[in-house]
Amino acid sequence: GQVSVNVSKPGIAKGNHWHMSKWEKFLVVS
């Protein structure tokens, strides 16, 4: 698989999508 780092500004929502087969793990670090 793939590892990425996501940074979201205050109040921002990301995503709002779905996958047929793909699955993910989210770990908030800050």
PDB file of all heavy atoms in Angstrom:
ATOM      1  N   GLY A   1       0.773  -1.218   0.000  1.00  0.00           N
ATOM      2  CA  GLY A   1       0.000   0.000   0.000  1.00  0.00           C
ATOM      3  C   GLY A   1       0.811   1.279   0.000  1.00  0.00           C
ATOM      4  O   GLY A   1       2.010   1.294  -0.272  1.00  0.00           O
ATOM      5  N   GLN A   2       0.131   2.365   0.329  1.00  0.00           N
ATOM      6  CA  GLN A   2       0.683   3.710   0.230  1.00  0.00           C
ATOM      7  C   GLN A   2       0.507   4.445   1.553  1.00  0.00           C
ATOM      8  O   GLN A   2      -0.535   4.340   2.204  1.00  0.00           O
ATOM      9  CB  GLN A   2      -0.051   4.469  -0.890  1.00  0.00           C
ATOM     10  CG  GLN A   2       0.275   5.936  -0.998  1.00  0.00           C
ATOM     11  CD  GLN A   2      -0.468   6.577  -2.150  1.00  0.00           C
ATOM     12  OE1 GLN A   2      -0.437   6.092  -3.276  1.00  0.00           O
ATOM     13  NE2 GLN A   2      -1.157   7.692  -1.876  1.00  0.00           N
ATOM     14  N   VAL A   3       1.523   5.216   1.944  1.00  0.00           N
ATOM     15  CA  VAL A   3       1.465   6.048   3.142  1.00  0.00           C
ATOM     16  C   VAL A   3       1.540   7.512   2.719  1.00  0.00           C
ATOM     17  O   VAL A   3       2.403   7.888   1.919  1.00  0.00           O
ATOM     18  CB  VAL A   3       2.611   5.728   4.118  1.00  0.00           C
ATOM     19  CG1 VAL A   3       2.517   6.619   5.359  1.00  0.00           C
ATOM     20  CG2 VAL A   3       2.585   4.258   4.522  1.00  0.00           C
ATOM     21  N   SER A   4       0.637   8.325   3.263  1.00  0.00           N
ATOM     22  CA  SER A   4       0.598   9.754   2.943  1.00  0.00           C
ATOM     23  C   SER A   4       0.386  10.551   4.220  1.00  0.00           C
ATOM     24  O   SER A   4      -0.029  10.007   5.258  1.00  0.00           O
ATOM     25  CB  SER A   4      -0.530  10.058   1.950  1.00  0.00           C
ATOM     26  OG  SER A   4      -0.434   9.250   0.797  1.00  0.00           O
ATOM     27  N   VAL A   5       0.677  11.845   4.122  1.00  0.00           N
ATOM     28  CA  VAL A   5       0.458  12.761   5.244  1.00  0.00           C
ATOM     29  C   VAL A   5      -0.510  13.848   4.770  1.00  0.00           C
ATOM     30  O   VAL A   5      -0.254  14.531   3.769  1.00  0.00           O
ATOM     31  CB  VAL A   5       1.776  13.388   5.731  1.00  0.00           C
ATOM     32  CG1 VAL A   5       1.495  14.388   6.863  1.00  0.00           C
ATOM     33  CG2 VAL A   5       2.736  12.309   6.208  1.00  0.00           C
ATOM     34  N   ASN A   6      -1.606  13.993   5.492  1.00  0.00           N
ATOM     35  CA  ASN A   6      -2.625  14.982   5.153  1.00  0.00           C
ATOM     36  C   ASN A   6      -2.622  16.103   6.188  1.00  0.00           C
ATOM     37  O   ASN A   6      -2.651  15.849   7.399  1.00  0.00           O
ATOM     38  CB  ASN A   6      -4.007  14.327   5.118  1.00  0.00           C
ATOM     39  CG  ASN A   6      -5.090  15.307   4.710  1.00  0.00           C
ATOM     40  OD1 ASN A   6      -5.199  15.685   3.555  1.00  0.00           O
ATOM     41  ND2 ASN A   6      -5.888  15.736   5.691  1.00  0.00           N
ATOM     42  N   VAL A   7      -2.594  17.349   5.700  1.00  0.00           N
ATOM     43  CA  VAL A   7      -2.695  18.525   6.570  1.00  0.00           C
ATOM     44  C   VAL A   7      -3.948  19.296   6.177  1.00  0.00           C
ATOM     45  O   VAL A   7      -4.112  19.672   5.008  1.00  0.00           O
ATOM     46  CB  VAL A   7      -1.451  19.428   6.449  1.00  0.00           C
ATOM     47  CG1 VAL A   7      -1.610  20.661   7.347  1.00  0.00           C
ATOM     48  CG2 VAL A   7      -0.186  18.659   6.812  1.00  0.00           C
ATOM     49  N   SER A   8      -4.820  19.503   7.158  1.00  0.00           N
ATOM     50  CA  SER A   8      -6.061  20.251   6.913  1.00  0.00           C
ATOM     51  C   SER A   8      -6.048  21.553   7.708  1.00  0.00           C
ATOM     52  O   SER A   8      -5.730  21.563   8.907  1.00  0.00           O
ATOM     53  CB  SER A   8      -7.284  19.429   7.322  1.00  0.00           C
ATOM     54  OG  SER A   8      -7.381  18.255   6.547  1.00  0.00           O
ATOM     55  N   LYS A   9      -6.392  22.639   7.052  1.00  0.00           N
ATOM     56  CA  LYS A   9      -6.490  23.930   7.717  1.00  0.00           C
ATOM     57  C   LYS A   9      -7.684  23.944   8.681  1.00  0.00           C
ATOM     58  O   LYS A   9      -8.584  23.102   8.578  1.00  0.00           O
ATOM     59  CB  LYS A   9      -6.642  25.044   6.680  1.00  0.00           C
ATOM     60  CG  LYS A   9      -5.447  25.207   5.754  1.00  0.00           C
ATOM     61  CD  LYS A   9      -4.217  25.670   6.515  1.00  0.00           C
ATOM     62  CE  LYS A   9      -3.051  25.927   5.570  1.00  0.00           C
ATOM     63  NZ  LYS A   9      -1.841  26.376   6.315  1.00  0.00           N
ATOM     64  N   PRO A  10      -7.709  24.897   9.611  1.00  0.00           N
ATOM     65  CA  PRO A  10      -8.813  24.956  10.586  1.00  0.00           C
ATOM     66  C   PRO A  10     -10.183  24.980   9.923  1.00  0.00           C
ATOM     67  O   PRO A  10     -10.421  25.724   8.961  1.00  0.00           O
ATOM     68  CB  PRO A  10      -8.529  26.266  11.337  1.00  0.00           C
ATOM     69  CG  PRO A  10      -7.050  26.433  11.251  1.00  0.00           C
ATOM     70  CD  PRO A  10      -6.673  25.920   9.895  1.00  0.00           C
ATOM     71  N   GLY A  11     -11.066  24.124  10.416  1.00  0.00           N
ATOM     72  CA  GLY A  11     -12.442  24.070   9.949  1.00  0.00           C
ATOM     73  C   GLY A  11     -12.661  23.346   8.637  1.00  0.00           C
ATOM     74  O   GLY A  11     -13.811  23.207   8.197  1.00  0.00           O
ATOM     75  N   ILE A  12     -11.605  22.873   8.003  1.00  0.00           N
ATOM     76  CA  ILE A  12     -11.723  22.262   6.690  1.00  0.00           C
ATOM     77  C   ILE A  12     -12.160  20.799   6.794  1.00  0.00           C
ATOM     78  O   ILE A  12     -11.675  20.033   7.638  1.00  0.00           O
ATOM     79  CB  ILE A  12     -10.375  22.355   5.930  1.00  0.00           C
ATOM     80  CG1 ILE A  12     -10.072  23.800   5.586  1.00  0.00           C
ATOM     81  CG2 ILE A  12     -10.371  21.480   4.686  1.00  0.00           C
ATOM     82  CD1 ILE A  12     -11.050  24.443   4.611  1.00  0.00           C
ATOM     83  N   ALA A  13     -13.080  20.422   5.890  1.00  0.00           N
ATOM     84  CA  ALA A  13     -13.494  19.021   5.754  1.00  0.00           C
ATOM     85  C   ALA A  13     -12.946  18.475   4.439  1.00  0.00           C
ATOM     86  O   ALA A  13     -12.999  19.145   3.403  1.00  0.00           O
ATOM     87  CB  ALA A  13     -15.006  18.901   5.787  1.00  0.00           C
ATOM     88  N   LYS A  14     -12.423  17.281   4.478  1.00  0.00           N
ATOM     89  CA  LYS A  14     -11.923  16.614   3.275  1.00  0.00           C
ATOM     90  C   LYS A  14     -12.564  15.237   3.156  1.00  0.00           C
ATOM     91  O   LYS A  14     -13.066  14.679   4.132  1.00  0.00           O
ATOM     92  CB  LYS A  14     -10.399  16.463   3.322  1.00  0.00           C
ATOM     93  CG  LYS A  14      -9.627  17.761   3.198  1.00  0.00           C
ATOM     94  CD  LYS A  14      -8.115  17.475   3.113  1.00  0.00           C
ATOM     95  CE  LYS A  14      -7.306  18.734   2.926  1.00  0.00           C
ATOM     96  NZ  LYS A  14      -5.843  18.456   2.799  1.00  0.00           N
ATOM     97  N   GLY A  15     -12.473  14.684   1.974  1.00  0.00           N
ATOM     98  CA  GLY A  15     -13.035  13.361   1.738  1.00  0.00           C
ATOM     99  C   GLY A  15     -14.365  13.446   1.044  1.00  0.00           C
ATOM    100  O   GLY A  15     -14.455  13.923  -0.093  1.00  0.00           O
ATOM    101  N   ASN A  16     -15.417  12.976   1.757  1.00  0.00           N
ATOM    102  CA  ASN A  16     -16.753  12.875   1.167  1.00  0.00           C
ATOM    103  C   ASN A  16     -16.707  12.052  -0.119  1.00  0.00           C
ATOM    104  O   ASN A  16     -17.176  12.487  -1.186  1.00  0.00           O
ATOM    105  CB  ASN A  16     -17.353  14.267   0.929  1.00  0.00           C
ATOM    106  CG  ASN A  16     -17.794  14.924   2.218  1.00  0.00           C
ATOM    107  OD1 ASN A  16     -18.526  14.315   3.008  1.00  0.00           O
ATOM    108  ND2 ASN A  16     -17.338  16.146   2.456  1.00  0.00           N
ATOM    109  N   HIS A  17     -16.137  10.889   0.002  1.00  0.00           N
ATOM    110  CA  HIS A  17     -16.099   9.942  -1.112  1.00  0.00           C
ATOM    111  C   HIS A  17     -16.020   8.529  -0.544  1.00  0.00           C
ATOM    112  O   HIS A  17     -15.816   8.335   0.655  1.00  0.00           O
ATOM    113  CB  HIS A  17     -14.920  10.224  -2.054  1.00  0.00           C
ATOM    114  CG  HIS A  17     -13.562  10.148  -1.397  1.00  0.00           C
ATOM    115  ND1 HIS A  17     -12.661  11.194  -1.423  1.00  0.00           N
ATOM    116  CD2 HIS A  17     -12.947   9.162  -0.684  1.00  0.00           C
ATOM    117  CE1 HIS A  17     -11.552  10.849  -0.762  1.00  0.00           C
ATOM    118  NE2 HIS A  17     -11.722   9.621  -0.309  1.00  0.00           N
ATOM    119  N   TRP A  18     -16.208   7.550  -1.436  1.00  0.00           N
ATOM    120  CA  TRP A  18     -16.150   6.164  -0.991  1.00  0.00           C
ATOM    121  C   TRP A  18     -15.431   5.324  -2.030  1.00  0.00           C
ATOM    122  O   TRP A  18     -15.168   5.767  -3.141  1.00  0.00           O
ATOM    123  CB  TRP A  18     -17.535   5.609  -0.671  1.00  0.00           C
ATOM    124  CG  TRP A  18     -18.492   5.575  -1.831  1.00  0.00           C
ATOM    125  CD1 TRP A  18     -19.199   6.621  -2.338  1.00  0.00           C
ATOM    126  CD2 TRP A  18     -18.840   4.432  -2.617  1.00  0.00           C
ATOM    127  NE1 TRP A  18     -19.977   6.212  -3.398  1.00  0.00           N
ATOM    128  CE2 TRP A  18     -19.784   4.865  -3.586  1.00  0.00           C
ATOM    129  CE3 TRP A  18     -18.483   3.088  -2.590  1.00  0.00           C
ATOM    130  CZ2 TRP A  18     -20.346   4.011  -4.526  1.00  0.00           C
ATOM    131  CZ3 TRP A  18     -19.042   2.230  -3.515  1.00  0.00           C
ATOM    132  CH2 TRP A  18     -19.959   2.681  -4.477  1.00  0.00           C
ATOM    133  N   HIS A  19     -15.104   4.089  -1.651  1.00  0.00           N
ATOM    134  CA  HIS A  19     -14.345   3.191  -2.516  1.00  0.00           C
ATOM    135  C   HIS A  19     -15.053   1.839  -2.614  1.00  0.00           C
ATOM    136  O   HIS A  19     -15.625   1.345  -1.636  1.00  0.00           O
ATOM    137  CB  HIS A  19     -12.932   2.960  -1.959  1.00  0.00           C
ATOM    138  CG  HIS A  19     -12.229   4.214  -1.553  1.00  0.00           C
ATOM    139  ND1 HIS A  19     -11.837   5.183  -2.451  1.00  0.00           N
ATOM    140  CD2 HIS A  19     -11.848   4.663  -0.331  1.00  0.00           C
ATOM    141  CE1 HIS A  19     -11.231   6.170  -1.800  1.00  0.00           C
ATOM    142  NE2 HIS A  19     -11.238   5.876  -0.513  1.00  0.00           N
ATOM    143  N   MET A  20     -14.985   1.247  -3.789  1.00  0.00           N
ATOM    144  CA  MET A  20     -15.519  -0.101  -3.992  1.00  0.00           C
ATOM    145  C   MET A  20     -14.693  -1.140  -3.230  1.00  0.00           C
ATOM    146  O   MET A  20     -15.241  -2.013  -2.548  1.00  0.00           O
ATOM    147  CB  MET A  20     -15.512  -0.442  -5.482  1.00  0.00           C
ATOM    148  CG  MET A  20     -16.538   0.306  -6.298  1.00  0.00           C
ATOM    149  SD  MET A  20     -18.179  -0.397  -6.070  1.00  0.00           S
ATOM    150  CE  MET A  20     -19.042   0.384  -7.438  1.00  0.00           C
ATOM    151  N   SER A  21     -13.379  -1.065  -3.379  1.00  0.00           N
ATOM    152  CA  SER A  21     -12.496  -2.085  -2.803  1.00  0.00           C
ATOM    153  C   SER A  21     -11.417  -1.505  -1.905  1.00  0.00           C
ATOM    154  O   SER A  21     -10.946  -2.158  -0.973  1.00  0.00           O
ATOM    155  CB  SER A  21     -11.826  -2.909  -3.907  1.00  0.00           C
ATOM    156  OG  SER A  21     -12.788  -3.653  -4.637  1.00  0.00           O
ATOM    157  N   LYS A  22     -10.972  -0.315  -2.220  1.00  0.00           N
ATOM    158  CA  LYS A  22      -9.875   0.291  -1.458  1.00  0.00           C
ATOM    159  C   LYS A  22     -10.288   0.520  -0.010  1.00  0.00           C
ATOM    160  O   LYS A  22     -11.434   0.862   0.279  1.00  0.00           O
ATOM    161  CB  LYS A  22      -9.461   1.617  -2.101  1.00  0.00           C
ATOM    162  CG  LYS A  22      -8.275   2.297  -1.422  1.00  0.00           C
ATOM    163  CD  LYS A  22      -8.010   3.671  -2.012  1.00  0.00           C
ATOM    164  CE  LYS A  22      -7.586   3.568  -3.462  1.00  0.00           C
ATOM    165  NZ  LYS A  22      -7.182   4.894  -4.004  1.00  0.00           N
ATOM    166  N   TRP A  23      -9.336   0.348   0.906  1.00  0.00           N
ATOM    167  CA  TRP A  23      -9.595   0.673   2.299  1.00  0.00           C
ATOM    168  C   TRP A  23      -8.384   1.399   2.873  1.00  0.00           C
ATOM    169  O   TRP A  23      -7.267   1.300   2.355  1.00  0.00           O
ATOM    170  CB  TRP A  23      -9.946  -0.563   3.126  1.00  0.00           C
ATOM    171  CG  TRP A  23      -9.025  -1.732   3.000  1.00  0.00           C
ATOM    172  CD1 TRP A  23      -8.954  -2.606   1.960  1.00  0.00           C
ATOM    173  CD2 TRP A  23      -8.039  -2.156   3.940  1.00  0.00           C
ATOM    174  NE1 TRP A  23      -7.993  -3.552   2.189  1.00  0.00           N
ATOM    175  CE2 TRP A  23      -7.418  -3.311   3.398  1.00  0.00           C
ATOM    176  CE3 TRP A  23      -7.642  -1.698   5.183  1.00  0.00           C
ATOM    177  CZ2 TRP A  23      -6.403  -3.989   4.064  1.00  0.00           C
ATOM    178  CZ3 TRP A  23      -6.632  -2.385   5.854  1.00  0.00           C
ATOM    179  CH2 TRP A  23      -6.030  -3.510   5.294  1.00  0.00           C
ATOM    180  N   GLU A  24      -8.627   2.156   3.927  1.00  0.00           N
ATOM    181  CA  GLU A  24      -7.595   3.043   4.461  1.00  0.00           C
ATOM    182  C   GLU A  24      -7.600   3.020   5.984  1.00  0.00           C
ATOM    183  O   GLU A  24      -8.572   2.611   6.614  1.00  0.00           O
ATOM    184  CB  GLU A  24      -7.839   4.479   3.981  1.00  0.00           C
ATOM    185  CG  GLU A  24      -7.853   4.638   2.461  1.00  0.00           C
ATOM    186  CD  GLU A  24      -8.511   5.933   2.027  1.00  0.00           C
ATOM    187  OE1 GLU A  24      -9.733   6.070   2.246  1.00  0.00           O
ATOM    188  OE2 GLU A  24      -7.800   6.786   1.471  1.00  0.00           O
ATOM    189  N   LYS A  25      -6.497   3.507   6.539  1.00  0.00           N
ATOM    190  CA  LYS A  25      -6.378   3.711   7.984  1.00  0.00           C
ATOM    191  C   LYS A  25      -5.954   5.157   8.212  1.00  0.00           C
ATOM    192  O   LYS A  25      -4.975   5.620   7.623  1.00  0.00           O
ATOM    193  CB  LYS A  25      -5.338   2.772   8.602  1.00  0.00           C
ATOM    194  CG  LYS A  25      -5.699   1.288   8.521  1.00  0.00           C
ATOM    195  CD  LYS A  25      -4.549   0.438   9.068  1.00  0.00           C
ATOM    196  CE  LYS A  25      -4.828  -1.055   8.939  1.00  0.00           C
ATOM    197  NZ  LYS A  25      -5.820  -1.546   9.918  1.00  0.00           N
ATOM    198  N   PHE A  26      -6.689   5.884   9.063  1.00  0.00           N
ATOM    199  CA  PHE A  26      -6.370   7.273   9.391  1.00  0.00           C
ATOM    200  C   PHE A  26      -5.846   7.324  10.825  1.00  0.00           C
ATOM    201  O   PHE A  26      -6.488   6.796  11.750  1.00  0.00           O
ATOM    202  CB  PHE A  26      -7.614   8.167   9.291  1.00  0.00           C
ATOM    203  CG  PHE A  26      -8.109   8.415   7.891  1.00  0.00           C
ATOM    204  CD1 PHE A  26      -7.493   7.841   6.790  1.00  0.00           C
ATOM    205  CD2 PHE A  26      -9.202   9.259   7.673  1.00  0.00           C
ATOM    206  CE1 PHE A  26      -7.959   8.071   5.490  1.00  0.00           C
ATOM    207  CE2 PHE A  26      -9.666   9.496   6.381  1.00  0.00           C
ATOM    208  CZ  PHE A  26      -9.041   8.902   5.293  1.00  0.00           C
ATOM    209  N   LEU A  27      -4.720   8.009  11.001  1.00  0.00           N
ATOM    210  CA  LEU A  27      -4.149   8.206  12.335  1.00  0.00           C
ATOM    211  C   LEU A  27      -3.867   9.696  12.520  1.00  0.00           C
ATOM    212  O   LEU A  27      -2.934  10.240  11.911  1.00  0.00           O
ATOM    213  CB  LEU A  27      -2.866   7.398  12.511  1.00  0.00           C
ATOM    214  CG  LEU A  27      -2.078   7.643  13.810  1.00  0.00           C
ATOM    215  CD1 LEU A  27      -2.916   7.233  15.024  1.00  0.00           C
ATOM    216  CD2 LEU A  27      -0.753   6.893  13.795  1.00  0.00           C
ATOM    217  N   VAL A  28      -4.662  10.355  13.340  1.00  0.00           N
ATOM    218  CA  VAL A  28      -4.444  11.767  13.645  1.00  0.00           C
ATOM    219  C   VAL A  28      -3.249  11.872  14.589  1.00  0.00           C
ATOM    220  O   VAL A  28      -3.228  11.234  15.655  1.00  0.00           O
ATOM    221  CB  VAL A  28      -5.690  12.395  14.278  1.00  0.00           C
ATOM    222  CG1 VAL A  28      -5.397  13.805  14.784  1.00  0.00           C
ATOM    223  CG2 VAL A  28      -6.837  12.428  13.273  1.00  0.00           C
ATOM    224  N   VAL A  29      -2.248  12.659  14.201  1.00  0.00           N
ATOM    225  CA  VAL A  29      -1.046  12.802  15.034  1.00  0.00           C
ATOM    226  C   VAL A  29      -0.938  14.200  15.634  1.00  0.00           C
ATOM    227  O   VAL A  29      -0.138  14.413  16.553  1.00  0.00           O
ATOM    228  CB  VAL A  29       0.231  12.460  14.231  1.00  0.00           C
ATOM    229  CG1 VAL A  29       0.241  10.994  13.847  1.00  0.00           C
ATOM    230  CG2 VAL A  29       0.382  13.339  13.000  1.00  0.00           C
ATOM    231  N   SER A  30      -1.729  15.152  15.127  1.00  0.00           N
ATOM    232  CA  SER A  30      -1.727  16.497  15.703  1.00  0.00           C
ATOM    233  C   SER A  30      -3.062  17.158  15.402  1.00  0.00           C
ATOM    234  O   SER A  30      -3.541  17.141  14.256  1.00  0.00           O
ATOM    235  CB  SER A  30      -0.586  17.338  15.121  1.00  0.00           C
ATOM    236  OG  SER A  30      -0.582  18.648  15.671  1.00  0.00           O
TER     237      SER A  30
END
